């Protein structure tokens, strides 16, 4: 079966509609819902499932098996 990813949609102030495709990892502020950061992996993602050991970072895998580690607060790539 082929599954077409559905883009996520979110609203910001003044009802501006934004769309996020399946090749972005994004973080939103818990205070006001604003976009904190975005990260584009080298290869598209499918069935995103991140893991963290509560050290300020998280890891996830892309479609080809590439593993990424990003900082939670800034989305900075720590290693690939």
PDB file of N, CA and C in Angstrom:
ATOM      1  N   UNK A   1       0.838  -1.180   0.000  1.00  0.00           N
ATOM      2  CA  UNK A   1       0.000   0.000   0.000  1.00  0.00           C
ATOM      3  C   UNK A   1       0.881   1.241   0.000  1.00  0.00           C
ATOM      4  N   UNK A   2       0.423   2.267  -0.635  1.00  0.00           N
ATOM      5  CA  UNK A   2       1.113   3.551  -0.652  1.00  0.00           C
ATOM      6  C   UNK A   2       0.282   4.529   0.167  1.00  0.00           C
ATOM      7  N   UNK A   3       0.928   5.170   1.102  1.00  0.00           N
ATOM      8  CA  UNK A   3       0.243   6.139   1.945  1.00  0.00           C
ATOM      9  C   UNK A   3       0.741   7.528   1.595  1.00  0.00           C
ATOM     10  N   UNK A   4      -0.160   8.398   1.235  1.00  0.00           N
ATOM     11  CA  UNK A   4       0.198   9.780   0.936  1.00  0.00           C
ATOM     12  C   UNK A   4       0.204  10.564   2.235  1.00  0.00           C
ATOM     13  N   UNK A   5       1.344  11.168   2.602  1.00  0.00           N
ATOM     14  CA  UNK A   5       1.356  11.960   3.843  1.00  0.00           C
ATOM     15  C   UNK A   5       0.493  13.209   3.699  1.00  0.00           C
ATOM     16  N   UNK A   6      -0.209  13.526   4.766  1.00  0.00           N
ATOM     17  CA  UNK A   6      -1.056  14.716   4.788  1.00  0.00           C
ATOM     18  C   UNK A   6      -0.301  15.808   5.535  1.00  0.00           C
ATOM     19  N   UNK A   7      -0.098  16.965   4.910  1.00  0.00           N
ATOM     20  CA  UNK A   7       0.624  18.046   5.591  1.00  0.00           C
ATOM     21  C   UNK A   7      -0.101  18.512   6.849  1.00  0.00           C
ATOM     22  N   UNK A   8       0.671  18.881   7.844  1.00  0.00           N
ATOM     23  CA  UNK A   8       0.099  19.475   9.054  1.00  0.00           C
ATOM     24  C   UNK A   8      -0.190  20.940   8.773  1.00  0.00           C
ATOM     25  N   UNK A   9      -1.224  21.446   9.388  1.00  0.00           N
ATOM     26  CA  UNK A   9      -1.608  22.835   9.203  1.00  0.00           C
ATOM     27  C   UNK A   9      -1.743  23.471  10.585  1.00  0.00           C
ATOM     28  N   UNK A  10      -1.208  24.677  10.731  1.00  0.00           N
ATOM     29  CA  UNK A  10      -1.360  25.386  11.998  1.00  0.00           C
ATOM     30  C   UNK A  10      -1.625  26.864  11.739  1.00  0.00           C
ATOM     31  N   UNK A  11      -2.250  27.487  12.713  1.00  0.00           N
ATOM     32  CA  UNK A  11      -2.585  28.906  12.617  1.00  0.00           C
ATOM     33  C   UNK A  11      -1.695  29.710  13.541  1.00  0.00           C
ATOM     34  N   UNK A  12      -1.312  30.898  13.085  1.00  0.00           N
ATOM     35  CA  UNK A  12      -0.581  31.829  13.937  1.00  0.00           C
ATOM     36  C   UNK A  12      -1.430  33.079  14.109  1.00  0.00           C
ATOM     37  N   UNK A  13      -0.899  34.061  14.800  1.00  0.00           N
ATOM     38  CA  UNK A  13      -1.641  35.301  15.028  1.00  0.00           C
ATOM     39  C   UNK A  13      -2.269  35.841  13.768  1.00  0.00           C
ATOM     40  N   UNK A  14      -3.386  36.482  13.905  1.00  0.00           N
ATOM     41  CA  UNK A  14      -4.144  37.067  12.792  1.00  0.00           C
ATOM     42  C   UNK A  14      -4.623  36.000  11.807  1.00  0.00           C
ATOM     43  N   UNK A  15      -4.733  34.756  12.289  1.00  0.00           N
ATOM     44  CA  UNK A  15      -5.251  33.629  11.505  1.00  0.00           C
ATOM     45  C   UNK A  15      -4.468  33.369  10.221  1.00  0.00           C
ATOM     46  N   UNK A  16      -3.160  33.501  10.286  1.00  0.00           N
ATOM     47  CA  UNK A  16      -2.328  33.130   9.146  1.00  0.00           C
ATOM     48  C   UNK A  16      -2.171  31.618   9.125  1.00  0.00           C
ATOM     49  N   UNK A  17      -2.530  31.009   8.034  1.00  0.00           N
ATOM     50  CA  UNK A  17      -2.488  29.563   7.890  1.00  0.00           C
ATOM     51  C   UNK A  17      -1.129  29.138   7.341  1.00  0.00           C
ATOM     52  N   UNK A  18      -0.494  28.163   7.972  1.00  0.00           N
ATOM     53  CA  UNK A  18       0.796  27.648   7.531  1.00  0.00           C
ATOM     54  C   UNK A  18       0.683  26.145   7.327  1.00  0.00           C
ATOM     55  N   UNK A  19       1.398  25.636   6.350  1.00  0.00           N
ATOM     56  CA  UNK A  19       1.380  24.205   6.069  1.00  0.00           C
ATOM     57  C   UNK A  19       2.788  23.651   6.230  1.00  0.00           C
ATOM     58  N   UNK A  20       2.902  22.495   6.861  1.00  0.00           N
ATOM     59  CA  UNK A  20       4.191  21.844   7.076  1.00  0.00           C
ATOM     60  C   UNK A  20       4.178  20.534   6.321  1.00  0.00           C
ATOM     61  N   UNK A  21       5.125  20.354   5.404  1.00  0.00           N
ATOM     62  CA  UNK A  21       5.128  19.104   4.650  1.00  0.00           C
ATOM     63  C   UNK A  21       5.769  17.984   5.466  1.00  0.00           C
ATOM     64  N   UNK A  22       5.794  16.786   4.893  1.00  0.00           N
ATOM     65  CA  UNK A  22       6.258  15.605   5.625  1.00  0.00           C
ATOM     66  C   UNK A  22       7.771  15.530   5.743  1.00  0.00           C
ATOM     67  N   UNK A  23       8.471  16.545   5.289  1.00  0.00           N
ATOM     68  CA  UNK A  23       9.923  16.511   5.361  1.00  0.00           C
ATOM     69  C   UNK A  23      10.455  17.587   6.311  1.00  0.00           C
ATOM     70  N   UNK A  24       9.691  17.950   7.314  1.00  0.00           N
ATOM     71  CA  UNK A  24      10.147  18.922   8.308  1.00  0.00           C
ATOM     72  C   UNK A  24       9.854  18.401   9.712  1.00  0.00           C
ATOM     73  N   UNK A  25      10.774  18.680  10.610  1.00  0.00           N
ATOM     74  CA  UNK A  25      10.544  18.474  12.033  1.00  0.00           C
ATOM     75  C   UNK A  25      10.430  19.875  12.611  1.00  0.00           C
ATOM     76  N   UNK A  26       9.368  20.133  13.350  1.00  0.00           N
ATOM     77  CA  UNK A  26       9.135  21.480  13.870  1.00  0.00           C
ATOM     78  C   UNK A  26       8.870  21.431  15.373  1.00  0.00           C
ATOM     79  N   UNK A  27       9.125  22.563  16.029  1.00  0.00           N
ATOM     80  CA  UNK A  27       8.821  22.706  17.457  1.00  0.00           C
ATOM     81  C   UNK A  27       8.036  23.988  17.651  1.00  0.00           C
ATOM     82  N   UNK A  28       7.043  23.916  18.517  1.00  0.00           N
ATOM     83  CA  UNK A  28       6.204  25.066  18.829  1.00  0.00           C
ATOM     84  C   UNK A  28       6.374  25.447  20.294  1.00  0.00           C
ATOM     85  N   UNK A  29       6.217  26.714  20.576  1.00  0.00           N
ATOM     86  CA  UNK A  29       6.259  27.221  21.942  1.00  0.00           C
ATOM     87  C   UNK A  29       5.032  26.737  22.706  1.00  0.00           C
ATOM     88  N   UNK A  30       5.247  26.258  23.935  1.00  0.00           N
ATOM     89  CA  UNK A  30       4.119  25.863  24.768  1.00  0.00           C
ATOM     90  C   UNK A  30       3.446  27.077  25.392  1.00  0.00           C
ATOM     91  N   UNK A  31       4.106  28.222  25.354  1.00  0.00           N
ATOM     92  CA  UNK A  31       3.537  29.440  25.941  1.00  0.00           C
ATOM     93  C   UNK A  31       2.523  30.107  25.025  1.00  0.00           C
ATOM     94  N   UNK A  32       2.909  30.278  23.738  1.00  0.00           N
ATOM     95  CA  UNK A  32       2.014  31.008  22.838  1.00  0.00           C
ATOM     96  C   UNK A  32       1.734  30.293  21.513  1.00  0.00           C
ATOM     97  N   UNK A  33       2.277  29.092  21.320  1.00  0.00           N
ATOM     98  CA  UNK A  33       2.011  28.333  20.105  1.00  0.00           C
ATOM     99  C   UNK A  33       2.804  28.769  18.896  1.00  0.00           C
ATOM    100  N   UNK A  34       3.721  29.713  19.069  1.00  0.00           N
ATOM    101  CA  UNK A  34       4.513  30.179  17.930  1.00  0.00           C
ATOM    102  C   UNK A  34       5.545  29.122  17.531  1.00  0.00           C
ATOM    103  N   UNK A  35       5.959  29.198  16.283  1.00  0.00           N
ATOM    104  CA  UNK A  35       6.966  28.271  15.773  1.00  0.00           C
ATOM    105  C   UNK A  35       8.322  28.620  16.381  1.00  0.00           C
ATOM    106  N   UNK A  36       8.949  27.661  17.066  1.00  0.00           N
ATOM    107  CA  UNK A  36      10.258  27.898  17.693  1.00  0.00           C
ATOM    108  C   UNK A  36      11.389  27.627  16.702  1.00  0.00           C
ATOM    109  N   UNK A  37      11.324  26.483  16.027  1.00  0.00           N
ATOM    110  CA  UNK A  37      12.346  26.136  15.047  1.00  0.00           C
ATOM    111  C   UNK A  37      11.815  25.071  14.104  1.00  0.00           C
ATOM    112  N   UNK A  38      12.533  24.911  12.999  1.00  0.00           N
ATOM    113  CA  UNK A  38      12.216  23.858  12.022  1.00  0.00           C
ATOM    114  C   UNK A  38      13.516  23.234  11.546  1.00  0.00           C
ATOM    115  N   UNK A  39      13.469  21.966  11.214  1.00  0.00           N
ATOM    116  CA  UNK A  39      14.636  21.242  10.726  1.00  0.00           C
ATOM    117  C   UNK A  39      14.207  20.385   9.548  1.00  0.00           C
ATOM    118  N   UNK A  40      14.980  20.433   8.464  1.00  0.00           N
ATOM    119  CA  UNK A  40      14.677  19.612   7.292  1.00  0.00           C
ATOM    120  C   UNK A  40      15.706  18.501   7.176  1.00  0.00           C
ATOM    121  N   UNK A  41      15.312  17.250   7.413  1.00  0.00           N
ATOM    122  CA  UNK A  41      16.226  16.114   7.268  1.00  0.00           C
ATOM    123  C   UNK A  41      16.676  15.951   5.814  1.00  0.00           C
ATOM    124  N   UNK A  42      17.739  15.186   5.630  1.00  0.00           N
ATOM    125  CA  UNK A  42      18.289  14.958   4.293  1.00  0.00           C
ATOM    126  C   UNK A  42      17.362  14.112   3.436  1.00  0.00           C
ATOM    127  N   UNK A  43      16.576  13.253   4.065  1.00  0.00           N
ATOM    128  CA  UNK A  43      15.655  12.353   3.376  1.00  0.00           C
ATOM    129  C   UNK A  43      14.282  12.488   4.029  1.00  0.00           C
ATOM    130  N   UNK A  44      13.198  12.354   3.261  1.00  0.00           N
ATOM    131  CA  UNK A  44      11.859  12.484   3.844  1.00  0.00           C
ATOM    132  C   UNK A  44      11.622  11.517   5.012  1.00  0.00           C
ATOM    133  N   UNK A  45      10.671  11.907   5.850  1.00  0.00           N
ATOM    134  CA  UNK A  45      10.309  11.117   7.021  1.00  0.00           C
ATOM    135  C   UNK A  45       8.988  10.408   6.772  1.00  0.00           C
ATOM    136  N   UNK A  46       8.803   9.321   7.482  1.00  0.00           N
ATOM    137  CA  UNK A  46       7.532   8.612   7.463  1.00  0.00           C
ATOM    138  C   UNK A  46       7.332   7.992   8.841  1.00  0.00           C
ATOM    139  N   UNK A  47       6.156   8.140   9.402  1.00  0.00           N
ATOM    140  CA  UNK A  47       5.852   7.571  10.710  1.00  0.00           C
ATOM    141  C   UNK A  47       6.849   8.042  11.760  1.00  0.00           C
ATOM    142  N   UNK A  48       6.955   9.357  11.906  1.00  0.00           N
ATOM    143  CA  UNK A  48       7.913   9.983  12.820  1.00  0.00           C
ATOM    144  C   UNK A  48       7.691   9.515  14.257  1.00  0.00           C
ATOM    145  N   UNK A  49       8.735   8.955  14.862  1.00  0.00           N
ATOM    146  CA  UNK A  49       8.698   8.511  16.254  1.00  0.00           C
ATOM    147  C   UNK A  49      10.029   8.862  16.897  1.00  0.00           C
ATOM    148  N   UNK A  50      10.064   9.977  17.593  1.00  0.00           N
ATOM    149  CA  UNK A  50      11.302  10.428  18.230  1.00  0.00           C
ATOM    150  C   UNK A  50      11.474   9.775  19.591  1.00  0.00           C
ATOM    151  N   UNK A  51      12.735   9.657  20.013  1.00  0.00           N
ATOM    152  CA  UNK A  51      13.061   9.123  21.337  1.00  0.00           C
ATOM    153  C   UNK A  51      14.002  10.086  22.034  1.00  0.00           C
ATOM    154  N   UNK A  52      13.865  10.180  23.361  1.00  0.00           N
ATOM    155  CA  UNK A  52      14.732  11.053  24.137  1.00  0.00           C
ATOM    156  C   UNK A  52      15.032  10.403  25.480  1.00  0.00           C
ATOM    157  N   UNK A  53      16.221  10.722  26.023  1.00  0.00           N
ATOM    158  CA  UNK A  53      16.564  10.262  27.367  1.00  0.00           C
ATOM    159  C   UNK A  53      16.593  11.450  28.331  1.00  0.00           C
ATOM    160  N   UNK A  54      15.867  12.507  27.959  1.00  0.00           N
ATOM    161  CA  UNK A  54      15.728  13.704  28.802  1.00  0.00           C
ATOM    162  C   UNK A  54      17.066  14.402  29.049  1.00  0.00           C
ATOM    163  N   UNK A  55      17.886  14.499  28.000  1.00  0.00           N
ATOM    164  CA  UNK A  55      19.172  15.193  28.103  1.00  0.00           C
ATOM    165  C   UNK A  55      19.202  16.459  27.249  1.00  0.00           C
ATOM    166  N   UNK A  56      18.029  16.932  26.822  1.00  0.00           N
ATOM    167  CA  UNK A  56      17.967  18.130  25.991  1.00  0.00           C
ATOM    168  C   UNK A  56      18.097  17.846  24.510  1.00  0.00           C
ATOM    169  N   UNK A  57      18.019  16.562  24.132  1.00  0.00           N
ATOM    170  CA  UNK A  57      18.100  16.195  22.720  1.00  0.00           C
ATOM    171  C   UNK A  57      17.125  15.053  22.455  1.00  0.00           C
ATOM    172  N   UNK A  58      16.923  14.760  21.167  1.00  0.00           N
ATOM    173  CA  UNK A  58      16.110  13.608  20.785  1.00  0.00           C
ATOM    174  C   UNK A  58      16.653  13.032  19.484  1.00  0.00           C
ATOM    175  N   UNK A  59      16.332  11.776  19.231  1.00  0.00           N
ATOM    176  CA  UNK A  59      16.786  11.093  18.016  1.00  0.00           C
ATOM    177  C   UNK A  59      15.571  10.601  17.236  1.00  0.00           C
ATOM    178  N   UNK A  60      15.747  10.497  15.927  1.00  0.00           N
ATOM    179  CA  UNK A  60      14.712   9.958  15.055  1.00  0.00           C
ATOM    180  C   UNK A  60      15.380   9.428  13.797  1.00  0.00           C
ATOM    181  N   UNK A  61      14.630   8.706  12.995  1.00  0.00           N
ATOM    182  CA  UNK A  61      15.158   8.032  11.811  1.00  0.00           C
ATOM    183  C   UNK A  61      14.375   8.475  10.582  1.00  0.00           C
ATOM    184  N   UNK A  62      15.082   8.573   9.435  1.00  0.00           N
ATOM    185  CA  UNK A  62      14.395   8.904   8.185  1.00  0.00           C
ATOM    186  C   UNK A  62      14.040   7.617   7.427  1.00  0.00           C
ATOM    187  N   UNK A  63      13.478   7.766   6.240  1.00  0.00           N
ATOM    188  CA  UNK A  63      13.021   6.612   5.449  1.00  0.00           C
ATOM    189  C   UNK A  63      14.141   5.673   5.044  1.00  0.00           C
ATOM    190  N   UNK A  64      15.353   6.182   4.929  1.00  0.00           N
ATOM    191  CA  UNK A  64      16.461   5.343   4.468  1.00  0.00           C
ATOM    192  C   UNK A  64      17.282   4.766   5.612  1.00  0.00           C
ATOM    193  N   UNK A  65      16.861   5.026   6.855  1.00  0.00           N
ATOM    194  CA  UNK A  65      17.588   4.511   8.008  1.00  0.00           C
ATOM    195  C   UNK A  65      18.575   5.484   8.610  1.00  0.00           C
ATOM    196  N   UNK A  66      18.687   6.687   8.050  1.00  0.00           N
ATOM    197  CA  UNK A  66      19.568   7.699   8.618  1.00  0.00           C
ATOM    198  C   UNK A  66      19.059   8.133   9.981  1.00  0.00           C
ATOM    199  N   UNK A  67      19.949   8.239  10.954  1.00  0.00           N
ATOM    200  CA  UNK A  67      19.566   8.613  12.316  1.00  0.00           C
ATOM    201  C   UNK A  67      20.086  10.015  12.613  1.00  0.00           C
ATOM    202  N   UNK A  68      19.220  10.842  13.190  1.00  0.00           N
ATOM    203  CA  UNK A  68      19.518  12.236  13.497  1.00  0.00           C
ATOM    204  C   UNK A  68      19.385  12.458  14.997  1.00  0.00           C
ATOM    205  N   UNK A  69      20.202  13.340  15.531  1.00  0.00           N
ATOM    206  CA  UNK A  69      20.055  13.787  16.917  1.00  0.00           C
ATOM    207  C   UNK A  69      19.988  15.303  16.894  1.00  0.00           C
ATOM    208  N   UNK A  70      18.885  15.864  17.414  1.00  0.00           N
ATOM    209  CA  UNK A  70      18.670  17.305  17.427  1.00  0.00           C
ATOM    210  C   UNK A  70      18.542  17.805  18.851  1.00  0.00           C
ATOM    211  N   UNK A  71      18.900  19.084  19.054  1.00  0.00           N
ATOM    212  CA  UNK A  71      18.667  19.737  20.329  1.00  0.00           C
ATOM    213  C   UNK A  71      17.201  20.098  20.454  1.00  0.00           C
ATOM    214  N   UNK A  72      16.614  19.855  21.614  1.00  0.00           N
ATOM    215  CA  UNK A  72      15.201  20.137  21.836  1.00  0.00           C
ATOM    216  C   UNK A  72      14.914  21.633  21.771  1.00  0.00           C
ATOM    217  N   UNK A  73      15.756  22.449  22.384  1.00  0.00           N
ATOM    218  CA  UNK A  73      15.485  23.882  22.480  1.00  0.00           C
ATOM    219  C   UNK A  73      15.688  24.657  21.190  1.00  0.00           C
ATOM    220  N   UNK A  74      16.662  24.228  20.363  1.00  0.00           N
ATOM    221  CA  UNK A  74      16.976  25.007  19.165  1.00  0.00           C
ATOM    222  C   UNK A  74      16.895  24.232  17.854  1.00  0.00           C
ATOM    223  N   UNK A  75      16.664  22.916  17.892  1.00  0.00           N
ATOM    224  CA  UNK A  75      16.573  22.121  16.684  1.00  0.00           C
ATOM    225  C   UNK A  75      17.894  21.939  15.965  1.00  0.00           C
ATOM    226  N   UNK A  76      18.985  22.268  16.619  1.00  0.00           N
ATOM    227  CA  UNK A  76      20.307  22.161  16.004  1.00  0.00           C
ATOM    228  C   UNK A  76      20.700  20.690  15.835  1.00  0.00           C
ATOM    229  N   UNK A  77      21.232  20.365  14.659  1.00  0.00           N
ATOM    230  CA  UNK A  77      21.704  19.002  14.389  1.00  0.00           C
ATOM    231  C   UNK A  77      22.952  18.730  15.188  1.00  0.00           C
ATOM    232  N   UNK A  78      22.897  17.747  16.082  1.00  0.00           N
ATOM    233  CA  UNK A  78      24.041  17.387  16.913  1.00  0.00           C
ATOM    234  C   UNK A  78      24.886  16.318  16.244  1.00  0.00           C
ATOM    235  N   UNK A  79      24.238  15.359  15.611  1.00  0.00           N
ATOM    236  CA  UNK A  79      24.935  14.379  14.768  1.00  0.00           C
ATOM    237  C   UNK A  79      23.948  13.693  13.839  1.00  0.00           C
ATOM    238  N   UNK A  80      24.552  13.090  12.793  1.00  0.00           N
ATOM    239  CA  UNK A  80      23.777  12.355  11.798  1.00  0.00           C
ATOM    240  C   UNK A  80      24.512  11.076  11.530  1.00  0.00           C
TER     241      UNK A  80
END
